[in-house]
Protein backbone atom coordinates (compact mmCIF):
# COMPACT_ATOMS: atom_id res chain seq x y z
CA UNK A 1 33.50 37.57 134.73
CA UNK A 2 34.45 35.77 137.87
CA UNK A 3 37.95 33.93 137.75
CA UNK A 4 39.22 30.89 139.44
CA UNK A 5 41.61 33.10 141.44
CA UNK A 6 38.49 34.88 143.10
CA UNK A 7 36.93 31.88 144.21
CA UNK A 8 40.20 30.43 145.41
CA UNK A 9 40.67 33.69 147.48
CA UNK A 10 37.42 33.34 148.88
CA UNK A 11 37.57 29.88 149.95
CA UNK A 12 41.21 29.97 151.06
CA UNK A 13 42.52 27.38 148.65
CA UNK A 14 44.74 27.44 145.42
CA UNK A 15 43.30 28.22 141.93
CA UNK A 16 44.48 24.62 140.90
CA UNK A 17 42.40 22.95 143.57
CA UNK A 18 39.45 25.25 142.46
CA UNK A 19 39.81 24.09 138.94
CA UNK A 20 40.21 20.30 139.84
CA UNK A 21 37.00 20.64 142.08
CA UNK A 22 34.90 22.23 139.37
CA UNK A 23 36.22 19.75 136.98
CA UNK A 24 35.17 16.99 139.37
CA UNK A 25 38.60 15.43 139.61
CA UNK A 26 38.09 12.17 141.76
CA UNK A 27 41.86 12.04 142.28
CA UNK A 28 41.92 15.27 144.09
CA UNK A 29 42.69 14.71 147.94
CA UNK A 30 40.62 17.22 149.76
CA UNK A 31 37.70 17.08 152.29
CA UNK A 32 34.18 16.81 151.42
CA UNK A 33 33.77 20.23 153.33
CA UNK A 34 36.40 22.03 150.92
CA UNK A 35 34.55 20.57 147.76
CA UNK A 36 31.25 22.05 149.13
CA UNK A 37 32.67 25.11 149.87
CA UNK A 38 34.40 25.71 146.47
CA UNK A 39 31.07 24.59 144.76
CA UNK A 40 28.83 26.78 146.78
CA UNK A 41 31.10 29.79 146.18
CA UNK A 42 31.36 29.24 142.51
CA UNK A 43 27.47 29.21 142.32
CA UNK A 44 27.03 32.07 144.47
CA UNK A 45 29.47 34.15 142.40
CA UNK A 46 27.79 32.81 139.10
CA UNK A 47 31.05 31.31 137.79
CA UNK A 48 30.82 29.93 134.30
CA UNK A 49 33.47 27.25 133.02
CA UNK A 50 35.16 27.98 129.84
CA UNK A 51 33.23 25.21 128.09
CA UNK A 52 29.88 26.79 129.35
CA UNK A 53 30.94 30.14 128.46
CA UNK A 54 32.03 28.98 124.90
CA UNK A 55 28.45 27.25 124.48
CA UNK A 56 26.73 30.37 125.57
CA UNK A 57 28.40 32.53 123.10
CA UNK A 58 27.54 30.03 120.39
CA UNK A 59 24.05 30.30 121.27
CA UNK A 60 24.09 33.97 121.43
CA UNK A 61 25.79 34.24 117.85
CA UNK A 62 23.05 32.04 116.30
CA UNK A 63 23.52 32.89 112.70
CA UNK A 64 26.09 34.97 110.65
CA UNK A 65 26.20 35.95 106.96
CA UNK A 66 29.11 36.04 104.67
CA UNK A 67 28.90 38.55 101.90
CA UNK A 68 31.37 38.05 99.09
CA UNK A 69 32.32 40.73 96.43
CA UNK A 70 32.83 38.19 93.84
CA UNK A 71 30.10 36.17 91.99
CA UNK A 72 30.11 32.41 92.72
CA UNK A 73 31.87 31.53 89.37
CA UNK A 74 34.62 34.24 89.98
CA UNK A 75 35.28 32.88 93.46
CA UNK A 76 35.54 29.30 92.18
CA UNK A 77 38.21 30.48 89.69
CA UNK A 78 40.39 31.92 92.51
CA UNK A 79 41.71 29.28 95.02
CA UNK A 80 42.70 32.15 97.43
CA UNK A 81 39.07 33.19 98.01
CA UNK A 82 37.70 29.54 97.94
CA UNK A 83 40.38 28.75 100.74
CA UNK A 84 39.16 31.79 102.71
CA UNK A 85 35.53 30.89 102.58
CA UNK A 86 36.43 27.46 103.66
CA UNK A 87 38.09 28.98 106.65
CA UNK A 88 34.77 30.85 107.54
CA UNK A 89 32.69 27.65 107.03
CA UNK A 90 34.94 25.29 109.10
CA UNK A 91 35.19 27.68 111.97
CA UNK A 92 31.46 28.09 111.99
CA UNK A 93 30.94 24.37 111.85
CA UNK A 94 33.31 23.80 114.73
CA UNK A 95 31.36 26.15 117.07
CA UNK A 96 27.85 25.06 115.68
CA UNK A 97 27.14 28.54 114.17
CA UNK A 98 24.72 28.74 111.32
CA UNK A 99 26.10 30.52 108.25
CA UNK A 100 24.63 32.01 105.10
CA UNK A 101 26.54 33.10 101.95
CA UNK A 102 25.45 36.17 99.98
CA UNK A 103 27.25 37.18 96.77
CA UNK A 104 26.94 41.01 96.44
CA UNK A 105 27.73 40.93 92.59
CA UNK A 106 24.89 38.42 92.12
CA UNK A 107 21.88 40.29 93.75
CA UNK A 108 21.47 43.60 95.69
CA UNK A 109 22.02 42.98 99.60
CA UNK A 110 18.83 42.83 101.58
CA UNK A 111 18.81 45.07 104.64
CA UNK A 112 16.28 43.17 106.47
CA UNK A 113 18.16 39.86 106.03
CA UNK A 114 21.43 41.50 107.44
CA UNK A 115 19.66 42.99 110.39
CA UNK A 116 18.47 39.40 111.47
CA UNK A 117 21.93 37.93 111.56
CA UNK A 118 24.11 38.45 114.74
CA UNK A 119 27.07 39.41 112.38
CA UNK A 120 28.24 39.92 108.91
CA UNK A 121 31.67 38.90 107.42
CA UNK A 122 32.30 40.93 104.38
CA UNK A 123 34.92 39.13 102.13
CA UNK A 124 37.01 41.34 99.87
CA UNK A 125 37.17 45.02 98.80
CA UNK A 126 33.67 46.42 99.72
CA UNK A 127 32.74 49.86 98.36
CA UNK A 128 33.76 52.57 100.64
CA UNK A 129 30.76 54.46 99.55
CA UNK A 130 28.39 51.70 100.88
CA UNK A 131 30.12 51.35 104.36
CA UNK A 132 27.62 53.71 105.99
CA UNK A 133 24.76 51.93 104.71
CA UNK A 134 26.33 48.48 105.66
CA UNK A 135 27.25 49.52 109.27
CA UNK A 136 23.67 50.89 109.71
CA UNK A 137 22.22 47.48 108.95
CA UNK A 138 24.46 45.20 110.65
CA UNK A 139 24.60 44.45 114.50
CA UNK A 140 28.21 43.45 114.11
CA UNK A 141 30.57 43.65 111.16
CA UNK A 142 33.89 42.08 110.13
CA UNK A 143 35.90 42.69 107.07
CA UNK A 144 38.29 39.80 105.79
CA UNK A 145 40.98 40.48 103.37
CA UNK A 146 40.12 44.21 103.40
CA UNK A 147 40.58 47.08 106.00
CA UNK A 148 38.51 50.13 105.73
CA UNK A 149 40.27 53.49 106.24
CA UNK A 150 39.11 53.58 109.82
CA UNK A 151 40.16 51.91 113.05
CA UNK A 152 36.55 51.47 114.39
CA UNK A 153 35.81 48.38 112.34
CA UNK A 154 37.04 44.85 112.82
CA UNK A 155 39.14 43.41 110.21
CA UNK A 156 41.79 40.74 109.23
CA UNK A 157 44.01 40.86 106.38
CA UNK A 158 47.37 40.31 104.85
CA UNK A 159 50.28 42.81 104.77
CA UNK A 160 50.89 42.91 101.07
CA UNK A 161 53.35 45.74 101.27
CA UNK A 162 55.67 43.93 103.63
CA UNK A 163 55.37 40.88 101.75
CA UNK A 164 56.06 42.33 98.28
CA UNK A 165 59.11 44.43 99.93
CA UNK A 166 60.49 41.01 101.38
CA UNK A 167 60.11 39.28 97.97
CA UNK A 168 61.65 42.07 95.88
CA UNK A 169 64.65 42.55 98.34
CA UNK A 170 65.14 38.68 98.53
CA UNK A 171 65.29 38.61 94.50
CA UNK A 172 67.68 41.55 94.48
CA UNK A 173 69.98 39.78 97.05
CA UNK A 174 70.00 36.76 94.53
CA UNK A 175 71.34 39.02 91.83
CA UNK A 176 68.26 39.42 89.87
CA UNK A 177 68.34 42.93 88.42
CA UNK A 178 65.85 43.18 85.59
CA UNK A 179 62.82 42.09 87.48
CA UNK A 180 59.42 42.46 85.52
CA UNK A 181 56.00 42.55 87.17
CA UNK A 182 52.66 41.26 85.90
CA UNK A 183 49.35 42.12 87.87
CA UNK A 184 46.10 43.84 87.67
CA UNK A 185 44.65 47.28 88.36
CA UNK A 186 42.72 47.95 91.54
CA UNK A 187 38.93 48.72 91.20
CA UNK A 188 39.53 50.89 94.23
CA UNK A 189 42.41 52.93 93.26
CA UNK A 190 43.57 55.37 90.50
CA UNK A 191 45.94 54.67 87.66
CA UNK A 192 47.38 51.37 86.40
CA UNK A 193 49.69 50.76 89.38
CA UNK A 194 47.04 51.06 92.09
CA UNK A 195 47.04 47.46 93.09
CA UNK A 196 48.89 47.09 96.43
CA UNK A 197 51.51 44.55 95.14
CA UNK A 198 51.95 46.50 91.85
CA UNK A 199 52.22 49.82 93.50
CA UNK A 200 54.73 48.41 96.00
CA UNK A 201 56.78 46.91 93.08
CA UNK A 202 56.85 50.05 91.14
CA UNK A 203 57.78 52.33 94.28
CA UNK A 204 60.65 49.72 95.30
CA UNK A 205 62.15 49.81 91.70
CA UNK A 206 61.86 53.71 91.31
CA UNK A 207 63.67 54.11 94.61
CA UNK A 208 66.52 52.10 93.24
CA UNK A 209 66.52 53.42 89.78
CA UNK A 210 65.38 50.30 88.42
CA UNK A 211 61.96 50.90 87.23
CA UNK A 212 60.98 50.40 83.52
CA UNK A 213 57.38 50.76 82.57
CA UNK A 214 57.86 48.14 79.81
CA UNK A 215 58.43 45.65 82.54
CA UNK A 216 55.33 46.52 84.44
CA UNK A 217 52.41 44.98 82.90
CA UNK A 218 48.76 45.10 83.93
CA UNK A 219 45.58 43.03 82.62
CA UNK A 220 43.16 40.65 84.46
CA UNK A 221 43.83 38.25 87.22
CA UNK A 222 43.67 35.02 85.27
CA UNK A 223 46.01 32.52 83.57
CA UNK A 224 45.25 33.77 80.11
CA UNK A 225 46.50 37.11 80.99
CA UNK A 226 49.66 35.74 82.58
CA UNK A 227 50.20 33.98 79.35
CA UNK A 228 49.59 37.06 77.09
CA UNK A 229 51.78 39.45 79.18
CA UNK A 230 54.58 37.01 79.32
CA UNK A 231 54.80 36.71 75.58
CA UNK A 232 55.07 40.53 75.46
CA UNK A 233 57.88 40.44 77.82
CA UNK A 234 59.72 37.84 75.68
CA UNK A 235 59.37 40.13 72.65
CA UNK A 236 61.54 42.93 74.42
CA UNK A 237 64.98 43.25 72.90
CA UNK A 238 66.32 42.77 76.45
CA UNK A 239 64.19 40.19 78.37
CA UNK A 240 63.87 40.21 82.13
CA UNK A 241 65.68 37.96 84.30
CA UNK A 242 62.74 37.47 86.63
CA UNK A 243 59.07 37.64 86.67
CA UNK A 244 56.89 38.40 89.47
CA UNK A 245 53.16 37.85 89.19
CA UNK A 246 50.48 39.06 91.58
CA UNK A 247 48.90 35.67 91.76
CA UNK A 248 49.78 32.10 91.25
CA UNK A 249 46.98 31.81 88.44
CA UNK A 250 48.81 34.38 86.40
CA UNK A 251 52.14 32.50 87.14
CA UNK A 252 50.68 29.30 85.42
CA UNK A 253 50.15 31.33 82.44
CA UNK A 254 53.52 32.62 82.34
CA UNK A 255 54.85 29.24 82.63
CA UNK A 256 53.16 28.09 79.64
CA UNK A 257 54.26 30.86 77.65
CA UNK A 258 57.86 30.45 78.70
CA UNK A 259 57.94 26.79 78.08
CA UNK A 260 56.37 27.17 74.75
CA UNK A 261 59.36 29.53 73.70
CA UNK A 262 61.96 27.07 75.07
CA UNK A 263 62.93 29.20 77.95
CA UNK A 264 64.26 27.44 81.04
CA UNK A 265 62.35 28.53 84.17
CA UNK A 266 64.50 28.99 87.08
CA UNK A 267 67.71 29.20 84.88
CA UNK A 268 66.99 31.58 82.01
CA UNK A 269 64.18 33.63 83.63
CA UNK A 270 62.94 33.06 87.39
CA UNK A 271 59.34 33.33 88.15
CA UNK A 272 57.69 33.93 91.65
CA UNK A 273 54.34 34.84 92.74
CA UNK A 274 51.70 35.23 95.56
CA UNK A 275 49.13 32.73 97.20
CA UNK A 276 50.66 29.28 97.13
CA UNK A 277 47.75 27.43 95.62
CA UNK A 278 47.75 23.81 95.53
CA UNK A 279 49.09 23.27 92.02
CA UNK A 280 52.18 25.69 92.71
CA UNK A 281 54.39 22.81 94.11
CA UNK A 282 53.51 20.46 91.23
CA UNK A 283 54.51 22.92 88.38
CA UNK A 284 57.71 21.98 86.53
CA UNK A 285 59.70 23.35 88.03
CA UNK A 286 57.80 23.94 91.42
CA UNK A 287 56.96 27.66 91.92
CA UNK A 288 58.47 29.99 94.42
CA UNK A 289 55.58 31.75 95.85
CA UNK A 290 54.59 33.78 98.91
CA UNK A 291 51.98 31.54 101.04
CA UNK A 292 49.13 33.80 102.23
CA UNK A 293 47.15 32.62 105.18
CA UNK A 294 43.78 32.81 103.37
CA UNK A 295 42.13 29.97 105.44
CA UNK A 296 43.40 31.53 108.60
CA UNK A 297 41.77 34.95 107.63
CA UNK A 298 38.38 33.25 107.45
CA UNK A 299 38.82 31.61 110.67
CA UNK A 300 39.88 34.78 112.44
CA UNK A 301 36.98 36.69 110.99
CA UNK A 302 34.72 34.37 112.79
CA UNK A 303 36.83 34.59 115.95
CA UNK A 304 36.43 38.31 115.90
CA UNK A 305 32.59 38.03 115.90
CA UNK A 306 32.81 35.54 118.87
CA UNK A 307 34.84 38.29 120.62
CA UNK A 308 32.00 40.74 120.09
CA UNK A 309 29.58 38.30 121.33
CA UNK A 310 31.81 37.90 124.47
CA UNK A 311 31.43 41.73 124.95
CA UNK A 312 34.51 43.41 123.21
CA UNK A 313 33.36 46.87 122.16
CA UNK A 314 36.58 48.37 120.73
CA UNK A 315 37.59 47.87 117.09
CA UNK A 316 40.24 45.37 116.42
CA UNK A 317 42.41 45.17 113.17
CA UNK A 318 44.42 41.80 112.67
CA UNK A 319 47.40 41.35 110.26
CA UNK A 320 48.36 37.88 109.54
CA UNK A 321 51.99 36.93 108.62
CA UNK A 322 52.94 35.33 105.32
CA UNK A 323 55.63 32.94 104.28
CA UNK A 324 58.06 32.93 101.16
CA UNK A 325 58.41 29.56 100.03
CA UNK A 326 61.54 28.98 97.92
CA UNK A 327 61.25 26.30 94.98
CA UNK A 328 62.74 25.58 91.86
CA UNK A 329 61.56 28.55 89.67
CA UNK A 330 64.12 30.67 91.42
CA UNK A 331 67.61 30.60 92.72
CA UNK A 332 67.55 29.19 96.27
CA UNK A 333 68.88 31.49 98.94
CA UNK A 334 69.53 28.51 101.19
CA UNK A 335 66.61 29.11 103.56
CA UNK A 336 63.00 29.63 103.73
CA UNK A 337 62.13 33.24 104.52
CA UNK A 338 59.21 34.20 106.75
CA UNK A 339 57.48 37.26 105.59
């Protein structure tokens, strides 16, 4: 790709002058001969402006397909994945890229449909056993919110291990000692503590001699499970002084259980979570939670496909930062900690 610097060197002017000439800046005080020399050299070297290159990439991409591992109804019940999908759609709309959505739980994937698309964005935990088939039927492939065990694939995700450790360390620093965890089991792992947040919590607690199996409860990722598991925790002879849930949906259920039993959230028992969905700040008290950049994950997935269109051949794995938001459901450490 020809640069402004190369044109400037060939003509004998500055890069700034070349840029202003190519952008037809009428206020630039140069001779007509210099303008002509810059334009002729740019044409001879097949220089393309950033805007032209962008439009060319957009035309080259044409159409992409987003494959979701949830069903449409399951996705609508999880604000995190709704936000991720909106990130993909908005980025595509910005660049004029056509997008089609397929839900793998809804119907089998059609190889012919995938092959016609420039690229495919797979959202969520795709089956490792199906990776070879997927790779063989996609021109370009990006995984969003999931990274296969290989560095040859493009992917973008959160670092849940780091985020969970930061949350647990922060709670411990605020003198919470009996910390319970409410989450779900991973379909990809083995055992009840296979989901990354749950596994990280249990390893953190075991390392400090604090792990109590009765305080680590697993069910499904929904509000009702949060409610039922919180009731189990309240029946313990010694209640926890803090509850961490793997999603804000489950935290809403925990709130309901605690408030029904007259437990003061943030005073008697602290509650913290992951996602920072829109209702988190409107709960009473507002929920302390880790804000996950779900929409940015969707946007970055589209950007990775555009980089492939621009010629990148090496795999790229992107991890986005999260932010821990302190609100009234826990003690306040006096600042907002970045995860």
